[in-house]
Amino acid sequence: VCDKFMKSFKDGKFPEAIQLLKENSIMSHTLLDSVQVTITDQMNNILPTYGKMLSYEFITDKKIKDFYTKRFYILKLEYFCLTFHFSLYNNGTGWKITNFEYNEDLSELLN
């Protein structure tokens, strides 16, 4: 799901990416609707400075046994990159995304 989200996001299909979160996360639909508006606004402001979206890469994941993982991706733009973090939890019946964030901070990946 995280890979599909990143592909949709990279292709500028923000509603499709958010729909994947709605179907596979515990985050409320109201919150995700708000996140979609924020993403659209932020990307409209970021892209003129950082250039077009080129590609994305899965970087790593950090796990606690077989029940919690945090997956890290990089979205490569022409002149900079953004990090994406997905937190996932498995209660024994399957994985659900519990948190999602993106930003310009690379420090967590450099440790």
PDB file of N, CA and C in Angstrom:
ATOM      1  N   VAL A   1       0.828  -1.196   0.000  1.00  0.00           N
ATOM      2  CA  VAL A   1       0.000   0.000   0.000  1.00  0.00           C
ATOM      3  C   VAL A   1       0.871   1.259   0.000  1.00  0.00           C
ATOM      4  N   CYS A   2       1.951   1.242   0.774  1.00  0.00           N
ATOM      5  CA  CYS A   2       2.835   2.410   0.838  1.00  0.00           C
ATOM      6  C   CYS A   2       3.451   2.687  -0.531  1.00  0.00           C
ATOM      7  N   ASP A   3       3.870   1.626  -1.222  1.00  0.00           N
ATOM      8  CA  ASP A   3       4.433   1.804  -2.569  1.00  0.00           C
ATOM      9  C   ASP A   3       3.394   2.384  -3.525  1.00  0.00           C
ATOM     10  N   LYS A   4       2.157   1.889  -3.458  1.00  0.00           N
ATOM     11  CA  LYS A   4       1.089   2.413  -4.322  1.00  0.00           C
ATOM     12  C   LYS A   4       0.802   3.871  -4.003  1.00  0.00           C
ATOM     13  N   PHE A   5       0.819   4.201  -2.701  1.00  0.00           N
ATOM     14  CA  PHE A   5       0.625   5.588  -2.295  1.00  0.00           C
ATOM     15  C   PHE A   5       1.698   6.470  -2.922  1.00  0.00           C
ATOM     16  N   MET A   6       2.957   6.052  -2.802  1.00  0.00           N
ATOM     17  CA  MET A   6       4.065   6.853  -3.317  1.00  0.00           C
ATOM     18  C   MET A   6       3.975   7.030  -4.831  1.00  0.00           C
ATOM     19  N   LYS A   7       3.591   5.989  -5.537  1.00  0.00           N
ATOM     20  CA  LYS A   7       3.449   6.095  -6.993  1.00  0.00           C
ATOM     21  C   LYS A   7       2.362   7.099  -7.347  1.00  0.00           C
ATOM     22  N   SER A   8       1.206   6.999  -6.689  1.00  0.00           N
ATOM     23  CA  SER A   8       0.120   7.948  -6.947  1.00  0.00           C
ATOM     24  C   SER A   8       0.543   9.367  -6.614  1.00  0.00           C
ATOM     25  N   PHE A   9       1.215   9.537  -5.482  1.00  0.00           N
ATOM     26  CA  PHE A   9       1.665  10.860  -5.067  1.00  0.00           C
ATOM     27  C   PHE A   9       2.631  11.428  -6.096  1.00  0.00           C
ATOM     28  N   LYS A  10       3.617  10.643  -6.492  1.00  0.00           N
ATOM     29  CA  LYS A  10       4.628  11.084  -7.467  1.00  0.00           C
ATOM     30  C   LYS A  10       3.981  11.489  -8.787  1.00  0.00           C
ATOM     31  N   ASP A  11       2.906  10.787  -9.157  1.00  0.00           N
ATOM     32  CA  ASP A  11       2.189  11.104 -10.394  1.00  0.00           C
ATOM     33  C   ASP A  11       1.239  12.295 -10.240  1.00  0.00           C
ATOM     34  N   GLY A  12       1.212  12.906  -9.040  1.00  0.00           N
ATOM     35  CA  GLY A  12       0.345  14.055  -8.791  1.00  0.00           C
ATOM     36  C   GLY A  12      -1.104  13.682  -8.565  1.00  0.00           C
ATOM     37  N   LYS A  13      -1.369  12.404  -8.325  1.00  0.00           N
ATOM     38  CA  LYS A  13      -2.737  11.918  -8.098  1.00  0.00           C
ATOM     39  C   LYS A  13      -3.007  11.888  -6.594  1.00  0.00           C
ATOM     40  N   PHE A  14      -3.083  13.074  -6.006  1.00  0.00           N
ATOM     41  CA  PHE A  14      -3.239  13.192  -4.563  1.00  0.00           C
ATOM     42  C   PHE A  14      -4.541  12.580  -4.052  1.00  0.00           C
ATOM     43  N   PRO A  15      -5.691  12.787  -4.730  1.00  0.00           N
ATOM     44  CA  PRO A  15      -6.928  12.144  -4.250  1.00  0.00           C
ATOM     45  C   PRO A  15      -6.820  10.610  -4.238  1.00  0.00           C
ATOM     46  N   GLU A  16      -6.170  10.047  -5.237  1.00  0.00           N
ATOM     47  CA  GLU A  16      -5.989   8.594  -5.298  1.00  0.00           C
ATOM     48  C   GLU A  16      -5.091   8.116  -4.151  1.00  0.00           C
ATOM     49  N   ALA A  17      -4.044   8.851  -3.868  1.00  0.00           N
ATOM     50  CA  ALA A  17      -3.145   8.508  -2.767  1.00  0.00           C
ATOM     51  C   ALA A  17      -3.894   8.554  -1.436  1.00  0.00           C
ATOM     52  N   ILE A  18      -4.670   9.602  -1.221  1.00  0.00           N
ATOM     53  CA  ILE A  18      -5.428   9.733   0.031  1.00  0.00           C
ATOM     54  C   ILE A  18      -6.470   8.626   0.148  1.00  0.00           C
ATOM     55  N   GLN A  19      -7.075   8.242  -0.960  1.00  0.00           N
ATOM     56  CA  GLN A  19      -8.051   7.152  -0.934  1.00  0.00           C
ATOM     57  C   GLN A  19      -7.406   5.861  -0.441  1.00  0.00           C
ATOM     58  N   LEU A  20      -6.170   5.612  -0.846  1.00  0.00           N
ATOM     59  CA  LEU A  20      -5.449   4.433  -0.348  1.00  0.00           C
ATOM     60  C   LEU A  20      -5.286   4.489   1.164  1.00  0.00           C
ATOM     61  N   LEU A  21      -4.996   5.680   1.695  1.00  0.00           N
ATOM     62  CA  LEU A  21      -4.902   5.829   3.145  1.00  0.00           C
ATOM     63  C   LEU A  21      -6.247   5.588   3.808  1.00  0.00           C
ATOM     64  N   LYS A  22      -7.308   6.100   3.217  1.00  0.00           N
ATOM     65  CA  LYS A  22      -8.644   5.899   3.783  1.00  0.00           C
ATOM     66  C   LYS A  22      -8.981   4.414   3.883  1.00  0.00           C
ATOM     67  N   GLU A  23      -8.564   3.656   2.893  1.00  0.00           N
ATOM     68  CA  GLU A  23      -8.894   2.233   2.852  1.00  0.00           C
ATOM     69  C   GLU A  23      -7.976   1.372   3.711  1.00  0.00           C
ATOM     70  N   ASN A  24      -6.813   1.903   4.087  1.00  0.00           N
ATOM     71  CA  ASN A  24      -5.809   1.063   4.745  1.00  0.00           C
ATOM     72  C   ASN A  24      -5.215   1.656   6.013  1.00  0.00           C
ATOM     73  N   SER A  25      -5.896   2.625   6.593  1.00  0.00           N
ATOM     74  CA  SER A  25      -5.361   3.240   7.808  1.00  0.00           C
ATOM     75  C   SER A  25      -6.460   3.376   8.856  1.00  0.00           C
ATOM     76  N   ILE A  26      -6.023   3.749  10.047  1.00  0.00           N
ATOM     77  CA  ILE A  26      -6.981   4.008  11.117  1.00  0.00           C
ATOM     78  C   ILE A  26      -7.289   5.500  11.230  1.00  0.00           C
ATOM     79  N   MET A  27      -6.668   6.313  10.384  1.00  0.00           N
ATOM     80  CA  MET A  27      -6.882   7.756  10.426  1.00  0.00           C
ATOM     81  C   MET A  27      -8.288   8.076   9.910  1.00  0.00           C
ATOM     82  N   SER A  28      -8.932   9.045  10.525  1.00  0.00           N
ATOM     83  CA  SER A  28     -10.310   9.370  10.161  1.00  0.00           C
ATOM     84  C   SER A  28     -10.386   9.945   8.747  1.00  0.00           C
ATOM     85  N   HIS A  29     -11.486   9.686   8.093  1.00  0.00           N
ATOM     86  CA  HIS A  29     -11.689  10.190   6.733  1.00  0.00           C
ATOM     87  C   HIS A  29     -11.723  11.716   6.724  1.00  0.00           C
ATOM     88  N   THR A  30     -12.288  12.304   7.774  1.00  0.00           N
ATOM     89  CA  THR A  30     -12.332  13.767   7.871  1.00  0.00           C
ATOM     90  C   THR A  30     -10.915  14.339   7.932  1.00  0.00           C
ATOM     91  N   LEU A  31     -10.073  13.722   8.743  1.00  0.00           N
ATOM     92  CA  LEU A  31      -8.681  14.155   8.845  1.00  0.00           C
ATOM     93  C   LEU A  31      -7.987  14.005   7.496  1.00  0.00           C
ATOM     94  N   LEU A  32      -8.184  12.889   6.825  1.00  0.00           N
ATOM     95  CA  LEU A  32      -7.528  12.651   5.542  1.00  0.00           C
ATOM     96  C   LEU A  32      -8.034  13.592   4.455  1.00  0.00           C
ATOM     97  N   ASP A  33      -9.311  13.975   4.515  1.00  0.00           N
ATOM     98  CA  ASP A  33      -9.824  14.981   3.576  1.00  0.00           C
ATOM     99  C   ASP A  33      -9.086  16.303   3.777  1.00  0.00           C
ATOM    100  N   SER A  34      -8.854  16.657   5.039  1.00  0.00           N
ATOM    101  CA  SER A  34      -8.118  17.880   5.361  1.00  0.00           C
ATOM    102  C   SER A  34      -6.658  17.773   4.902  1.00  0.00           C
ATOM    103  N   VAL A  35      -6.065  16.599   5.097  1.00  0.00           N
ATOM    104  CA  VAL A  35      -4.687  16.362   4.662  1.00  0.00           C
ATOM    105  C   VAL A  35      -4.578  16.510   3.146  1.00  0.00           C
ATOM    106  N   GLN A  36      -5.579  16.037   2.429  1.00  0.00           N
ATOM    107  CA  GLN A  36      -5.552  16.148   0.963  1.00  0.00           C
ATOM    108  C   GLN A  36      -5.528  17.607   0.525  1.00  0.00           C
ATOM    109  N   VAL A  37      -6.328  18.443   1.155  1.00  0.00           N
ATOM    110  CA  VAL A  37      -6.349  19.872   0.835  1.00  0.00           C
ATOM    111  C   VAL A  37      -4.979  20.489   1.153  1.00  0.00           C
ATOM    112  N   THR A  38      -4.415  20.129   2.308  1.00  0.00           N
ATOM    113  CA  THR A  38      -3.104  20.647   2.707  1.00  0.00           C
ATOM    114  C   THR A  38      -2.022  20.215   1.726  1.00  0.00           C
ATOM    115  N   ILE A  39      -2.029  18.934   1.349  1.00  0.00           N
ATOM    116  CA  ILE A  39      -1.033  18.423   0.400  1.00  0.00           C
ATOM    117  C   ILE A  39      -1.110  19.181  -0.916  1.00  0.00           C
ATOM    118  N   THR A  40      -2.309  19.354  -1.431  1.00  0.00           N
ATOM    119  CA  THR A  40      -2.488  20.054  -2.706  1.00  0.00           C
ATOM    120  C   THR A  40      -1.942  21.477  -2.616  1.00  0.00           C
ATOM    121  N   ASP A  41      -2.289  22.179  -1.530  1.00  0.00           N
ATOM    122  CA  ASP A  41      -1.794  23.558  -1.339  1.00  0.00           C
ATOM    123  C   ASP A  41      -0.275  23.587  -1.207  1.00  0.00           C
ATOM    124  N   GLN A  42       0.261  22.697  -0.384  1.00  0.00           N
ATOM    125  CA  GLN A  42       1.708  22.698  -0.173  1.00  0.00           C
ATOM    126  C   GLN A  42       2.465  22.341  -1.446  1.00  0.00           C
ATOM    127  N   MET A  43       1.992  21.363  -2.173  1.00  0.00           N
ATOM    128  CA  MET A  43       2.688  20.969  -3.394  1.00  0.00           C
ATOM    129  C   MET A  43       2.622  22.086  -4.433  1.00  0.00           C
ATOM    130  N   ASN A  44       1.531  22.819  -4.482  1.00  0.00           N
ATOM    131  CA  ASN A  44       1.438  23.966  -5.397  1.00  0.00           C
ATOM    132  C   ASN A  44       2.469  25.034  -5.038  1.00  0.00           C
ATOM    133  N   ASN A  45       2.829  25.129  -3.757  1.00  0.00           N
ATOM    134  CA  ASN A  45       3.842  26.090  -3.320  1.00  0.00           C
ATOM    135  C   ASN A  45       5.259  25.540  -3.441  1.00  0.00           C
ATOM    136  N   ILE A  46       5.433  24.253  -3.226  1.00  0.00           N
ATOM    137  CA  ILE A  46       6.759  23.623  -3.248  1.00  0.00           C
ATOM    138  C   ILE A  46       7.280  23.431  -4.662  1.00  0.00           C
ATOM    139  N   LEU A  47       6.440  22.957  -5.555  1.00  0.00           N
ATOM    140  CA  LEU A  47       6.905  22.569  -6.888  1.00  0.00           C
ATOM    141  C   LEU A  47       7.558  23.702  -7.681  1.00  0.00           C
ATOM    142  N   PRO A  48       7.059  24.935  -7.610  1.00  0.00           N
ATOM    143  CA  PRO A  48       7.760  25.989  -8.350  1.00  0.00           C
ATOM    144  C   PRO A  48       9.200  26.200  -7.875  1.00  0.00           C
ATOM    145  N   THR A  49       9.477  25.922  -6.603  1.00  0.00           N
ATOM    146  CA  THR A  49      10.823  26.089  -6.060  1.00  0.00           C
ATOM    147  C   THR A  49      11.680  24.840  -6.247  1.00  0.00           C
ATOM    148  N   TYR A  50      11.121  23.673  -5.914  1.00  0.00           N
ATOM    149  CA  TYR A  50      11.890  22.421  -5.930  1.00  0.00           C
ATOM    150  C   TYR A  50      11.827  21.693  -7.263  1.00  0.00           C
ATOM    151  N   GLY A  51      11.007  22.146  -8.180  1.00  0.00           N
ATOM    152  CA  GLY A  51      10.914  21.506  -9.489  1.00  0.00           C
ATOM    153  C   GLY A  51       9.946  20.334  -9.487  1.00  0.00           C
ATOM    154  N   LYS A  52       9.798  19.749 -10.650  1.00  0.00           N
ATOM    155  CA  LYS A  52       8.811  18.679 -10.802  1.00  0.00           C
ATOM    156  C   LYS A  52       9.235  17.412 -10.064  1.00  0.00           C
ATOM    157  N   MET A  53       8.241  16.592  -9.755  1.00  0.00           N
ATOM    158  CA  MET A  53       8.493  15.325  -9.086  1.00  0.00           C
ATOM    159  C   MET A  53       9.061  14.350 -10.108  1.00  0.00           C
ATOM    160  N   LEU A  54      10.191  13.732  -9.755  1.00  0.00           N
ATOM    161  CA  LEU A  54      10.886  12.840 -10.681  1.00  0.00           C
ATOM    162  C   LEU A  54      10.644  11.364 -10.372  1.00  0.00           C
ATOM    163  N   SER A  55      10.857  10.967  -9.133  1.00  0.00           N
ATOM    164  CA  SER A  55      10.733   9.561  -8.763  1.00  0.00           C
ATOM    165  C   SER A  55      10.665   9.450  -7.246  1.00  0.00           C
ATOM    166  N   TYR A  56      10.440   8.233  -6.782  1.00  0.00           N
ATOM    167  CA  TYR A  56      10.485   7.974  -5.352  1.00  0.00           C
ATOM    168  C   TYR A  56      11.285   6.706  -5.120  1.00  0.00           C
ATOM    169  N   GLU A  57      11.810   6.578  -3.906  1.00  0.00           N
ATOM    170  CA  GLU A  57      12.571   5.383  -3.540  1.00  0.00           C
ATOM    171  C   GLU A  57      12.212   4.963  -2.133  1.00  0.00           C
ATOM    172  N   PHE A  58      12.016   3.668  -1.943  1.00  0.00           N
ATOM    173  CA  PHE A  58      11.935   3.109  -0.597  1.00  0.00           C
ATOM    174  C   PHE A  58      13.348   3.131  -0.033  1.00  0.00           C
ATOM    175  N   ILE A  59      13.523   3.668   1.173  1.00  0.00           N
ATOM    176  CA  ILE A  59      14.850   3.793   1.756  1.00  0.00           C
ATOM    177  C   ILE A  59      15.109   2.687   2.778  1.00  0.00           C
ATOM    178  N   THR A  60      14.256   2.590   3.774  1.00  0.00           N
ATOM    179  CA  THR A  60      14.451   1.591   4.823  1.00  0.00           C
ATOM    180  C   THR A  60      13.188   1.466   5.648  1.00  0.00           C
ATOM    181  N   ASP A  61      13.184   0.477   6.500  1.00  0.00           N
ATOM    182  CA  ASP A  61      12.145   0.415   7.520  1.00  0.00           C
ATOM    183  C   ASP A  61      12.795   0.040   8.847  1.00  0.00           C
ATOM    184  N   LYS A  62      12.167   0.483   9.897  1.00  0.00           N
ATOM    185  CA  LYS A  62      12.608   0.170  11.254  1.00  0.00           C
ATOM    186  C   LYS A  62      11.482  -0.622  11.891  1.00  0.00           C
ATOM    187  N   LYS A  63      11.825  -1.773  12.464  1.00  0.00           N
ATOM    188  CA  LYS A  63      10.794  -2.690  12.962  1.00  0.00           C
ATOM    189  C   LYS A  63      10.957  -2.968  14.449  1.00  0.00           C
ATOM    190  N   ILE A  64       9.823  -3.226  15.063  1.00  0.00           N
ATOM    191  CA  ILE A  64       9.771  -3.809  16.395  1.00  0.00           C
ATOM    192  C   ILE A  64       9.077  -5.155  16.215  1.00  0.00           C
ATOM    193  N   LYS A  65       9.889  -6.195  16.236  1.00  0.00           N
ATOM    194  CA  LYS A  65       9.420  -7.567  16.010  1.00  0.00           C
ATOM    195  C   LYS A  65       8.541  -7.626  14.772  1.00  0.00           C
ATOM    196  N   ASP A  66       7.379  -8.281  14.881  1.00  0.00           N
ATOM    197  CA  ASP A  66       6.503  -8.434  13.717  1.00  0.00           C
ATOM    198  C   ASP A  66       5.187  -7.683  13.878  1.00  0.00           C
ATOM    199  N   PHE A  67       5.178  -6.644  14.759  1.00  0.00           N
ATOM    200  CA  PHE A  67       3.915  -5.947  14.982  1.00  0.00           C
ATOM    201  C   PHE A  67       3.960  -4.442  14.723  1.00  0.00           C
ATOM    202  N   TYR A  68       5.142  -3.854  14.572  1.00  0.00           N
ATOM    203  CA  TYR A  68       5.214  -2.410  14.301  1.00  0.00           C
ATOM    204  C   TYR A  68       6.370  -2.151  13.340  1.00  0.00           C
ATOM    205  N   THR A  69       6.122  -1.305  12.376  1.00  0.00           N
ATOM    206  CA  THR A  69       7.194  -0.896  11.469  1.00  0.00           C
ATOM    207  C   THR A  69       6.984   0.546  11.048  1.00  0.00           C
ATOM    208  N   LYS A  70       8.076   1.201  10.767  1.00  0.00           N
ATOM    209  CA  LYS A  70       8.040   2.556  10.218  1.00  0.00           C
ATOM    210  C   LYS A  70       8.807   2.496   8.909  1.00  0.00           C
ATOM    211  N   ARG A  71       8.137   2.823   7.812  1.00  0.00           N
ATOM    212  CA  ARG A  71       8.729   2.761   6.476  1.00  0.00           C
ATOM    213  C   ARG A  71       9.105   4.174   6.029  1.00  0.00           C
ATOM    214  N   PHE A  72      10.279   4.301   5.432  1.00  0.00           N
ATOM    215  CA  PHE A  72      10.796   5.586   4.987  1.00  0.00           C
ATOM    216  C   PHE A  72      10.979   5.590   3.475  1.00  0.00           C
ATOM    217  N   TYR A  73      10.504   6.650   2.857  1.00  0.00           N
ATOM    218  CA  TYR A  73      10.647   6.854   1.416  1.00  0.00           C
ATOM    219  C   TYR A  73      11.216   8.243   1.173  1.00  0.00           C
ATOM    220  N   ILE A  74      11.814   8.416   0.005  1.00  0.00           N
ATOM    221  CA  ILE A  74      12.258   9.727  -0.471  1.00  0.00           C
ATOM    222  C   ILE A  74      11.526  10.013  -1.773  1.00  0.00           C
ATOM    223  N   LEU A  75      10.941  11.195  -1.868  1.00  0.00           N
ATOM    224  CA  LEU A  75      10.376  11.680  -3.122  1.00  0.00           C
ATOM    225  C   LEU A  75      11.399  12.633  -3.716  1.00  0.00           C
ATOM    226  N   LYS A  76      11.932  12.269  -4.870  1.00  0.00           N
ATOM    227  CA  LYS A  76      12.960  13.078  -5.521  1.00  0.00           C
ATOM    228  C   LYS A  76      12.303  14.102  -6.438  1.00  0.00           C
ATOM    229  N   LEU A  77      12.683  15.350  -6.217  1.00  0.00           N
ATOM    230  CA  LEU A  77      12.254  16.440  -7.073  1.00  0.00           C
ATOM    231  C   LEU A  77      13.482  16.925  -7.841  1.00  0.00           C
ATOM    232  N   GLU A  78      13.305  17.823  -8.767  1.00  0.00           N
ATOM    233  CA  GLU A  78      14.446  18.295  -9.558  1.00  0.00           C
ATOM    234  C   GLU A  78      15.549  18.902  -8.699  1.00  0.00           C
ATOM    235  N   TYR A  79      15.176  19.659  -7.642  1.00  0.00           N
ATOM    236  CA  TYR A  79      16.163  20.414  -6.896  1.00  0.00           C
ATOM    237  C   TYR A  79      16.226  20.089  -5.409  1.00  0.00           C
ATOM    238  N   PHE A  80      15.464  19.132  -4.960  1.00  0.00           N
ATOM    239  CA  PHE A  80      15.477  18.752  -3.550  1.00  0.00           C
ATOM    240  C   PHE A  80      14.694  17.459  -3.396  1.00  0.00           C
ATOM    241  N   CYS A  81      14.533  17.006  -2.170  1.00  0.00           N
ATOM    242  CA  CYS A  81      13.746  15.800  -1.922  1.00  0.00           C
ATOM    243  C   CYS A  81      12.914  15.980  -0.658  1.00  0.00           C
ATOM    244  N   LEU A  82      11.887  15.175  -0.547  1.00  0.00           N
ATOM    245  CA  LEU A  82      11.032  15.134   0.635  1.00  0.00           C
ATOM    246  C   LEU A  82      11.078  13.730   1.207  1.00  0.00           C
ATOM    247  N   THR A  83      10.995  13.623   2.529  1.00  0.00           N
ATOM    248  CA  THR A  83      10.911  12.313   3.162  1.00  0.00           C
ATOM    249  C   THR A  83       9.465  11.999   3.493  1.00  0.00           C
ATOM    250  N   PHE A  84       9.109  10.751   3.373  1.00  0.00           N
ATOM    251  CA  PHE A  84       7.781  10.253   3.719  1.00  0.00           C
ATOM    252  C   PHE A  84       7.953   9.137   4.734  1.00  0.00           C
ATOM    253  N   HIS A  85       7.163   9.176   5.805  1.00  0.00           N
ATOM    254  CA  HIS A  85       7.224   8.177   6.863  1.00  0.00           C
ATOM    255  C   HIS A  85       5.824   7.585   7.026  1.00  0.00           C
ATOM    256  N   PHE A  86       5.753   6.289   7.027  1.00  0.00           N
ATOM    257  CA  PHE A  86       4.506   5.578   7.285  1.00  0.00           C
ATOM    258  C   PHE A  86       4.716   4.709   8.519  1.00  0.00           C
ATOM    259  N   SER A  87       3.863   4.859   9.517  1.00  0.00           N
ATOM    260  CA  SER A  87       3.885   3.989  10.684  1.00  0.00           C
ATOM    261  C   SER A  87       2.782   2.957  10.510  1.00  0.00           C
ATOM    262  N   LEU A  88       3.148   1.683  10.714  1.00  0.00           N
ATOM    263  CA  LEU A  88       2.197   0.584  10.524  1.00  0.00           C
ATOM    264  C   LEU A  88       2.176  -0.318  11.757  1.00  0.00           C
ATOM    265  N   TYR A  89       0.986  -0.822  12.075  1.00  0.00           N
ATOM    266  CA  TYR A  89       0.801  -1.698  13.221  1.00  0.00           C
ATOM    267  C   TYR A  89       0.030  -2.931  12.786  1.00  0.00           C
ATOM    268  N   ASN A  90       0.451  -4.089  13.302  1.00  0.00           N
ATOM    269  CA  ASN A  90      -0.217  -5.350  13.014  1.00  0.00           C
ATOM    270  C   ASN A  90      -0.659  -5.956  14.343  1.00  0.00           C
ATOM    271  N   ASN A  91      -1.975  -6.048  14.537  1.00  0.00           N
ATOM    272  CA  ASN A  91      -2.496  -6.611  15.781  1.00  0.00           C
ATOM    273  C   ASN A  91      -2.681  -8.125  15.691  1.00  0.00           C
ATOM    274  N   GLY A  92      -2.173  -8.711  14.630  1.00  0.00           N
ATOM    275  CA  GLY A  92      -2.302 -10.147  14.424  1.00  0.00           C
ATOM    276  C   GLY A  92      -3.286 -10.498  13.321  1.00  0.00           C
ATOM    277  N   THR A  93      -4.058  -9.505  12.891  1.00  0.00           N
ATOM    278  CA  THR A  93      -5.044  -9.755  11.824  1.00  0.00           C
ATOM    279  C   THR A  93      -4.698  -9.012  10.540  1.00  0.00           C
ATOM    280  N   GLY A  94      -3.605  -8.278  10.536  1.00  0.00           N
ATOM    281  CA  GLY A  94      -3.193  -7.550   9.333  1.00  0.00           C
ATOM    282  C   GLY A  94      -2.631  -6.186   9.677  1.00  0.00           C
ATOM    283  N   TRP A  95      -1.958  -5.605   8.697  1.00  0.00           N
ATOM    284  CA  TRP A  95      -1.301  -4.322   8.874  1.00  0.00           C
ATOM    285  C   TRP A  95      -2.259  -3.174   8.594  1.00  0.00           C
ATOM    286  N   LYS A  96      -2.163  -2.132   9.423  1.00  0.00           N
ATOM    287  CA  LYS A  96      -2.891  -0.879   9.220  1.00  0.00           C
ATOM    288  C   LYS A  96      -1.917   0.277   9.389  1.00  0.00           C
ATOM    289  N   ILE A  97      -2.071   1.288   8.551  1.00  0.00           N
ATOM    290  CA  ILE A  97      -1.263   2.498   8.688  1.00  0.00           C
ATOM    291  C   ILE A  97      -1.836   3.305   9.845  1.00  0.00           C
ATOM    292  N   THR A  98      -0.999   3.628  10.805  1.00  0.00           N
ATOM    293  CA  THR A  98      -1.458   4.388  11.969  1.00  0.00           C
ATOM    294  C   THR A  98      -1.058   5.857  11.908  1.00  0.00           C
ATOM    295  N   ASN A  99      -0.050   6.165  11.082  1.00  0.00           N
ATOM    296  CA  ASN A  99       0.381   7.555  10.943  1.00  0.00           C
ATOM    297  C   ASN A  99       1.113   7.728   9.622  1.00  0.00           C
ATOM    298  N   PHE A 100       1.030   8.924   9.090  1.00  0.00           N
ATOM    299  CA  PHE A 100       1.678   9.273   7.838  1.00  0.00           C
ATOM    300  C   PHE A 100       2.162  10.703   7.959  1.00  0.00           C
ATOM    301  N   GLU A 101       3.371  10.957   7.499  1.00  0.00           N
ATOM    302  CA  GLU A 101       3.861  12.340   7.471  1.00  0.00           C
ATOM    303  C   GLU A 101       4.893  12.493   6.367  1.00  0.00           C
ATOM    304  N   TYR A 102       5.052  13.709   5.927  1.00  0.00           N
ATOM    305  CA  TYR A 102       6.103  14.029   4.967  1.00  0.00           C
ATOM    306  C   TYR A 102       6.672  15.387   5.311  1.00  0.00           C
ATOM    307  N   ASN A 103       7.962  15.560   5.029  1.00  0.00           N
ATOM    308  CA  ASN A 103       8.610  16.832   5.323  1.00  0.00           C
ATOM    309  C   ASN A 103       9.969  16.882   4.628  1.00  0.00           C
ATOM    310  N   GLU A 104      10.710  17.925   4.907  1.00  0.00           N
ATOM    311  CA  GLU A 104      12.025  18.135   4.298  1.00  0.00           C
ATOM    312  C   GLU A 104      13.164  17.641   5.176  1.00  0.00           C
ATOM    313  N   ASP A 105      12.850  17.129   6.353  1.00  0.00           N
ATOM    314  CA  ASP A 105      13.855  16.742   7.336  1.00  0.00           C
ATOM    315  C   ASP A 105      14.432  15.366   7.013  1.00  0.00           C
ATOM    316  N   LEU A 106      15.706  15.327   6.705  1.00  0.00           N
ATOM    317  CA  LEU A 106      16.392  14.078   6.389  1.00  0.00           C
ATOM    318  C   LEU A 106      17.121  13.494   7.600  1.00  0.00           C
ATOM    319  N   SER A 107      17.108  14.167   8.733  1.00  0.00           N
ATOM    320  CA  SER A 107      17.935  13.767   9.870  1.00  0.00           C
ATOM    321  C   SER A 107      17.615  12.365  10.365  1.00  0.00           C
ATOM    322  N   GLU A 108      16.365  11.965  10.395  1.00  0.00           N
ATOM    323  CA  GLU A 108      16.019  10.623  10.886  1.00  0.00           C
ATOM    324  C   GLU A 108      16.607   9.537   9.990  1.00  0.00           C
ATOM    325  N   LEU A 109      16.784   9.840   8.731  1.00  0.00           N
ATOM    326  CA  LEU A 109      17.360   8.875   7.801  1.00  0.00           C
ATOM    327  C   LEU A 109      18.882   8.855   7.852  1.00  0.00           C
ATOM    328  N   LEU A 110      19.494   9.900   8.355  1.00  0.00           N
ATOM    329  CA  LEU A 110      20.942  10.001   8.382  1.00  0.00           C
ATOM    330  C   LEU A 110      21.556   9.402   9.641  1.00  0.00           C
ATOM    331  N   ASN A 111      20.739   9.011  10.597  1.00  0.00           N
ATOM    332  CA  ASN A 111      21.245   8.425  11.852  1.00  0.00           C
ATOM    333  C   ASN A 111      21.523   6.956  11.679  1.00  0.00           C
TER     334      ASN A 111
END
